[in-house]
Amino acid sequence: MKDSAREYRHNNHSVGSATVHLVWIPKRRKKVLVGDVKIRLSQIITEVANEKEWIIKALEIAPDHVHVLVEHDPSTPINSVVKAFKGRSSRYLRQEFPHLLKIPALWTHSYFYDTTGKVSTARIQEYINDPHHT
């Protein structure tokens, strides 16, 4: 979808679009997001988004970081979006892949975010989908 033809979400008292580019990394920048872990992480992120009625516009999982471009409802703060993705994925991945328990925590506490007001959503999608991450 082009930004010029942006669709807006209509809520009880608001109309708008909230799209954010998120990036986060595993603790100690370990390259653990590969193989089955990468596949399962993608599934978990998709499940969370579907449950919350968020739209994943782009997703790239590199061995040592995650990029997500997600459209969420404007009433949900960005930190809650991050918490939903990182919280569930950490819990499930560490349960399902015991080798991840060797890391004190799966994710660092920090994350990067940028709303897509200054840069078009399409431009960020191009960046995330560029194969430079592998």
C-alpha atoms as a PDB file:
ATOM      1  CA  MET A   1       0.000   0.000   0.000  1.00  0.00           C
ATOM      2  CA  LYS A   2       1.378   3.419  -0.921  1.00  0.00           C
ATOM      3  CA  ASP A   3       1.467   6.087   1.746  1.00  0.00           C
ATOM      4  CA  SER A   4      -0.516   8.426  -0.511  1.00  0.00           C
ATOM      5  CA  ALA A   5      -3.361   5.896  -0.393  1.00  0.00           C
ATOM      6  CA  ARG A   6      -2.947   5.205   3.325  1.00  0.00           C
ATOM      7  CA  GLU A   7      -5.855   3.544   5.018  1.00  0.00           C
ATOM      8  CA  TYR A   8      -6.745   4.784   8.468  1.00  0.00           C
ATOM      9  CA  ARG A   9      -8.105   2.878  11.418  1.00  0.00           C
ATOM     10  CA  HIS A  10     -11.384   4.163  12.774  1.00  0.00           C
ATOM     11  CA  ASN A  11     -11.924   3.846  16.514  1.00  0.00           C
ATOM     12  CA  ASN A  12     -14.663   5.182  18.771  1.00  0.00           C
ATOM     13  CA  HIS A  13     -13.076   8.601  19.192  1.00  0.00           C
ATOM     14  CA  SER A  14     -10.235   8.706  16.705  1.00  0.00           C
ATOM     15  CA  VAL A  15      -9.107   8.110  13.173  1.00  0.00           C
ATOM     16  CA  GLY A  16      -5.467   7.544  12.365  1.00  0.00           C
ATOM     17  CA  SER A  17      -2.553   5.386  11.404  1.00  0.00           C
ATOM     18  CA  ALA A  18       0.171   4.190  13.760  1.00  0.00           C
ATOM     19  CA  THR A  19       3.023   2.374  12.056  1.00  0.00           C
ATOM     20  CA  VAL A  20       6.344   1.826  13.765  1.00  0.00           C
ATOM     21  CA  HIS A  21       9.682   0.321  12.744  1.00  0.00           C
ATOM     22  CA  LEU A  22      11.101  -1.746  15.618  1.00  0.00           C
ATOM     23  CA  VAL A  23      14.538  -3.305  16.012  1.00  0.00           C
ATOM     24  CA  TRP A  24      15.800  -5.375  18.923  1.00  0.00           C
ATOM     25  CA  ILE A  25      18.724  -7.709  19.574  1.00  0.00           C
ATOM     26  CA  PRO A  26      19.492 -10.830  21.582  1.00  0.00           C
ATOM     27  CA  LYS A  27      21.472 -10.442  24.793  1.00  0.00           C
ATOM     28  CA  ARG A  28      25.192 -10.031  24.060  1.00  0.00           C
ATOM     29  CA  ARG A  29      24.247  -9.763  20.369  1.00  0.00           C
ATOM     30  CA  LYS A  30      24.491 -13.554  20.110  1.00  0.00           C
ATOM     31  CA  LYS A  31      23.764 -14.942  16.639  1.00  0.00           C
ATOM     32  CA  VAL A  32      21.053 -17.326  17.849  1.00  0.00           C
ATOM     33  CA  LEU A  33      18.198 -16.336  15.516  1.00  0.00           C
ATOM     34  CA  VAL A  34      18.898 -19.018  12.924  1.00  0.00           C
ATOM     35  CA  GLY A  35      17.290 -22.233  11.662  1.00  0.00           C
ATOM     36  CA  ASP A  36      14.308 -23.448  13.664  1.00  0.00           C
ATOM     37  CA  VAL A  37      14.639 -20.573  16.152  1.00  0.00           C
ATOM     38  CA  LYS A  38      14.242 -18.048  13.322  1.00  0.00           C
ATOM     39  CA  ILE A  39      11.220 -19.908  11.911  1.00  0.00           C
ATOM     40  CA  ARG A  40       9.551 -20.166  15.312  1.00  0.00           C
ATOM     41  CA  LEU A  41      10.253 -16.497  16.132  1.00  0.00           C
ATOM     42  CA  SER A  42       8.547 -15.478  12.893  1.00  0.00           C
ATOM     43  CA  GLN A  43       5.516 -17.592  13.845  1.00  0.00           C
ATOM     44  CA  ILE A  44       5.340 -16.091  17.339  1.00  0.00           C
ATOM     45  CA  ILE A  45       5.556 -12.506  16.067  1.00  0.00           C
ATOM     46  CA  THR A  46       2.834 -13.246  13.517  1.00  0.00           C
ATOM     47  CA  GLU A  47       0.611 -14.870  16.179  1.00  0.00           C
ATOM     48  CA  VAL A  48       0.958 -11.887  18.519  1.00  0.00           C
ATOM     49  CA  ALA A  49       0.147  -9.444  15.718  1.00  0.00           C
ATOM     50  CA  ASN A  50      -2.895 -11.439  14.622  1.00  0.00           C
ATOM     51  CA  GLU A  51      -4.245 -11.667  18.178  1.00  0.00           C
ATOM     52  CA  LYS A  52      -3.824  -7.919  18.690  1.00  0.00           C
ATOM     53  CA  GLU A  53      -5.178  -7.115  15.204  1.00  0.00           C
ATOM     54  CA  TRP A  54      -1.887  -5.487  14.219  1.00  0.00           C
ATOM     55  CA  ILE A  55      -0.574  -5.699  10.665  1.00  0.00           C
ATOM     56  CA  ILE A  56       2.990  -6.848  10.021  1.00  0.00           C
ATOM     57  CA  LYS A  57       4.068  -4.859   6.980  1.00  0.00           C
ATOM     58  CA  ALA A  58       7.623  -6.223   6.959  1.00  0.00           C
ATOM     59  CA  LEU A  59       9.610  -8.677   9.078  1.00  0.00           C
ATOM     60  CA  GLU A  60      13.274  -9.546   8.840  1.00  0.00           C
ATOM     61  CA  ILE A  61      15.021 -11.827  11.294  1.00  0.00           C
ATOM     62  CA  ALA A  62      18.798 -11.707  11.014  1.00  0.00           C
ATOM     63  CA  PRO A  63      21.027 -13.975  13.127  1.00  0.00           C
ATOM     64  CA  ASP A  64      21.615 -11.164  15.648  1.00  0.00           C
ATOM     65  CA  HIS A  65      18.682  -8.757  15.346  1.00  0.00           C
ATOM     66  CA  VAL A  66      15.012  -8.421  14.442  1.00  0.00           C
ATOM     67  CA  HIS A  67      13.311  -5.759  12.285  1.00  0.00           C
ATOM     68  CA  VAL A  68       9.532  -5.421  12.386  1.00  0.00           C
ATOM     69  CA  LEU A  69       7.437  -2.820  10.631  1.00  0.00           C
ATOM     70  CA  VAL A  70       4.049  -3.045  12.283  1.00  0.00           C
ATOM     71  CA  GLU A  71       0.833  -1.078  12.051  1.00  0.00           C
ATOM     72  CA  HIS A  72      -0.884  -1.099  15.426  1.00  0.00           C
ATOM     73  CA  ASP A  73      -3.932   0.562  16.878  1.00  0.00           C
ATOM     74  CA  PRO A  74      -3.175   4.164  17.879  1.00  0.00           C
ATOM     75  CA  SER A  75      -4.318   3.594  21.472  1.00  0.00           C
ATOM     76  CA  THR A  76      -1.528   1.071  22.113  1.00  0.00           C
ATOM     77  CA  PRO A  77       1.747   2.644  23.244  1.00  0.00           C
ATOM     78  CA  ILE A  78       4.870   1.583  21.351  1.00  0.00           C
ATOM     79  CA  ASN A  79       6.448   0.098  24.474  1.00  0.00           C
ATOM     80  CA  SER A  80       3.430  -2.212  24.822  1.00  0.00           C
ATOM     81  CA  VAL A  81       3.882  -3.399  21.235  1.00  0.00           C
ATOM     82  CA  VAL A  82       7.536  -4.190  21.930  1.00  0.00           C
ATOM     83  CA  LYS A  83       6.693  -5.885  25.226  1.00  0.00           C
ATOM     84  CA  ALA A  84       4.112  -8.105  23.522  1.00  0.00           C
ATOM     85  CA  PHE A  85       6.582  -9.287  20.863  1.00  0.00           C
ATOM     86  CA  LYS A  86       9.657  -9.634  23.067  1.00  0.00           C
ATOM     87  CA  GLY A  87       7.853 -11.059  26.093  1.00  0.00           C
ATOM     88  CA  ARG A  88       6.048 -13.888  24.392  1.00  0.00           C
ATOM     89  CA  SER A  89       8.909 -14.747  22.055  1.00  0.00           C
ATOM     90  CA  SER A  90      11.424 -14.905  24.908  1.00  0.00           C
ATOM     91  CA  ARG A  91       9.205 -17.156  26.999  1.00  0.00           C
ATOM     92  CA  TYR A  92       8.276 -19.541  24.185  1.00  0.00           C
ATOM     93  CA  LEU A  93      11.688 -19.725  22.531  1.00  0.00           C
ATOM     94  CA  ARG A  94      13.485 -20.431  25.809  1.00  0.00           C
ATOM     95  CA  GLN A  95      10.946 -23.167  26.629  1.00  0.00           C
ATOM     96  CA  GLU A  96      11.206 -24.766  23.199  1.00  0.00           C
ATOM     97  CA  PHE A  97      14.972 -24.362  22.614  1.00  0.00           C
ATOM     98  CA  PRO A  98      16.914 -25.246  25.788  1.00  0.00           C
ATOM     99  CA  HIS A  99      20.224 -24.002  24.344  1.00  0.00           C
ATOM    100  CA  LEU A 100      18.820 -20.470  24.652  1.00  0.00           C
ATOM    101  CA  LEU A 101      18.762 -20.874  28.431  1.00  0.00           C
ATOM    102  CA  LYS A 102      22.559 -20.480  28.398  1.00  0.00           C
ATOM    103  CA  ILE A 103      22.024 -16.769  27.720  1.00  0.00           C
ATOM    104  CA  PRO A 104      20.953 -14.897  30.903  1.00  0.00           C
ATOM    105  CA  ALA A 105      17.992 -13.395  28.980  1.00  0.00           C
ATOM    106  CA  LEU A 106      17.048 -13.817  25.349  1.00  0.00           C
ATOM    107  CA  TRP A 107      16.603 -10.107  24.587  1.00  0.00           C
ATOM    108  CA  THR A 108      18.341  -6.984  25.822  1.00  0.00           C
ATOM    109  CA  HIS A 109      16.121  -4.487  27.638  1.00  0.00           C
ATOM    110  CA  SER A 110      16.605  -1.906  24.904  1.00  0.00           C
ATOM    111  CA  TYR A 111      15.078  -1.520  21.462  1.00  0.00           C
ATOM    112  CA  PHE A 112      15.016   0.946  18.592  1.00  0.00           C
ATOM    113  CA  TYR A 113      11.802   2.455  17.288  1.00  0.00           C
ATOM    114  CA  ASP A 114      10.893   5.016  14.694  1.00  0.00           C
ATOM    115  CA  THR A 115       7.458   6.042  13.617  1.00  0.00           C
ATOM    116  CA  THR A 116       7.014   6.286   9.877  1.00  0.00           C
ATOM    117  CA  GLY A 117       5.963   9.911   9.773  1.00  0.00           C
ATOM    118  CA  LYS A 118       9.231  11.305   8.395  1.00  0.00           C
ATOM    119  CA  VAL A 119      10.168   8.353   6.219  1.00  0.00           C
ATOM    120  CA  SER A 120       7.582   6.576   4.155  1.00  0.00           C
ATOM    121  CA  THR A 121       6.419   3.147   5.180  1.00  0.00           C
ATOM    122  CA  ALA A 122       7.312   1.877   1.708  1.00  0.00           C
ATOM    123  CA  ARG A 123      10.891   3.080   2.135  1.00  0.00           C
ATOM    124  CA  ILE A 124      11.255   1.255   5.461  1.00  0.00           C
ATOM    125  CA  GLN A 125       9.732  -1.886   3.933  1.00  0.00           C
ATOM    126  CA  GLU A 126      12.375  -1.745   1.180  1.00  0.00           C
ATOM    127  CA  TYR A 127      15.129  -1.449   3.797  1.00  0.00           C
ATOM    128  CA  ILE A 128      13.856  -4.356   5.900  1.00  0.00           C
ATOM    129  CA  ASN A 129      13.291  -6.573   2.858  1.00  0.00           C
ATOM    130  CA  ASP A 130      16.765  -5.860   1.450  1.00  0.00           C
ATOM    131  CA  PRO A 131      18.788  -9.093   1.722  1.00  0.00           C
ATOM    132  CA  HIS A 132      21.705  -7.290   3.432  1.00  0.00           C
ATOM    133  CA  HIS A 133      20.640  -8.718   6.824  1.00  0.00           C
ATOM    134  CA  THR A 134      21.667 -12.322   6.207  1.00  0.00           C
END
